[in-house]
């Protein structure tokens, strides 16, 4: 199917790129769309296998 993307699954966390704050990953919400509640920086996906 053209244009269809699979997510990385429900496991993992979102981690702040600035202060390191972690929050559980929410299904259907990309970590990059979230801002850190502590410092306002961008958050990225962190999974047990490492940064993704």
C-alpha atoms as a PDB file:
ATOM      1  CA  UNK A   1       0.000   0.000   0.000  1.00  0.00           C
ATOM      2  CA  UNK A   2       1.511   3.320  -1.049  1.00  0.00           C
ATOM      3  CA  UNK A   3       1.896   5.961   1.653  1.00  0.00           C
ATOM      4  CA  UNK A   4       1.069   3.632   4.554  1.00  0.00           C
ATOM      5  CA  UNK A   5       3.461   3.770   7.489  1.00  0.00           C
ATOM      6  CA  UNK A   6       3.649   1.486  10.469  1.00  0.00           C
ATOM      7  CA  UNK A   7       4.400   2.985  13.864  1.00  0.00           C
ATOM      8  CA  UNK A   8       6.924   1.562  16.268  1.00  0.00           C
ATOM      9  CA  UNK A   9       4.329  -0.018  18.503  1.00  0.00           C
ATOM     10  CA  UNK A  10       3.019   0.938  21.920  1.00  0.00           C
ATOM     11  CA  UNK A  11       6.152   0.217  23.950  1.00  0.00           C
ATOM     12  CA  UNK A  12       8.790   2.772  24.808  1.00  0.00           C
ATOM     13  CA  UNK A  13       8.910   6.266  26.152  1.00  0.00           C
ATOM     14  CA  UNK A  14       9.251   9.818  24.969  1.00  0.00           C
ATOM     15  CA  UNK A  15      12.412  11.517  26.236  1.00  0.00           C
ATOM     16  CA  UNK A  16      13.231  15.222  26.266  1.00  0.00           C
ATOM     17  CA  UNK A  17      16.163  16.236  24.072  1.00  0.00           C
ATOM     18  CA  UNK A  18      17.193  18.938  26.544  1.00  0.00           C
ATOM     19  CA  UNK A  19      16.558  17.866  30.159  1.00  0.00           C
ATOM     20  CA  UNK A  20      16.086  14.081  29.777  1.00  0.00           C
ATOM     21  CA  UNK A  21      12.560  13.981  31.260  1.00  0.00           C
ATOM     22  CA  UNK A  22      10.758  10.752  30.289  1.00  0.00           C
ATOM     23  CA  UNK A  23       7.064  10.059  29.796  1.00  0.00           C
ATOM     24  CA  UNK A  24       5.263   6.938  28.584  1.00  0.00           C
ATOM     25  CA  UNK A  25       4.657   6.874  24.837  1.00  0.00           C
ATOM     26  CA  UNK A  26       1.001   7.439  23.968  1.00  0.00           C
ATOM     27  CA  UNK A  27      -0.452   5.382  21.145  1.00  0.00           C
ATOM     28  CA  UNK A  28      -1.186   7.407  17.984  1.00  0.00           C
ATOM     29  CA  UNK A  29       0.768  10.424  19.308  1.00  0.00           C
ATOM     30  CA  UNK A  30       4.285  10.816  17.897  1.00  0.00           C
ATOM     31  CA  UNK A  31       6.846  11.875  20.485  1.00  0.00           C
ATOM     32  CA  UNK A  32       8.057  14.595  18.106  1.00  0.00           C
ATOM     33  CA  UNK A  33       4.596  16.181  18.367  1.00  0.00           C
ATOM     34  CA  UNK A  34       4.970  16.523  22.149  1.00  0.00           C
ATOM     35  CA  UNK A  35       6.735  19.240  24.123  1.00  0.00           C
ATOM     36  CA  UNK A  36       8.463  18.520  27.420  1.00  0.00           C
ATOM     37  CA  UNK A  37       6.240  19.600  30.332  1.00  0.00           C
ATOM     38  CA  UNK A  38       9.311  20.618  32.348  1.00  0.00           C
ATOM     39  CA  UNK A  39      11.318  22.731  29.880  1.00  0.00           C
ATOM     40  CA  UNK A  40       9.282  22.946  26.647  1.00  0.00           C
ATOM     41  CA  UNK A  41      11.877  21.271  24.402  1.00  0.00           C
ATOM     42  CA  UNK A  42      11.078  18.683  21.721  1.00  0.00           C
ATOM     43  CA  UNK A  43      10.681  15.071  22.827  1.00  0.00           C
ATOM     44  CA  UNK A  44      11.892  12.041  20.860  1.00  0.00           C
ATOM     45  CA  UNK A  45      11.052   8.341  20.956  1.00  0.00           C
ATOM     46  CA  UNK A  46      13.075   6.119  23.261  1.00  0.00           C
ATOM     47  CA  UNK A  47      12.640   2.356  23.176  1.00  0.00           C
ATOM     48  CA  UNK A  48      14.354  -0.383  25.183  1.00  0.00           C
ATOM     49  CA  UNK A  49      16.517  -1.110  22.121  1.00  0.00           C
ATOM     50  CA  UNK A  50      17.817   2.476  22.091  1.00  0.00           C
ATOM     51  CA  UNK A  51      16.897   5.795  20.517  1.00  0.00           C
ATOM     52  CA  UNK A  52      14.767   5.556  17.383  1.00  0.00           C
END
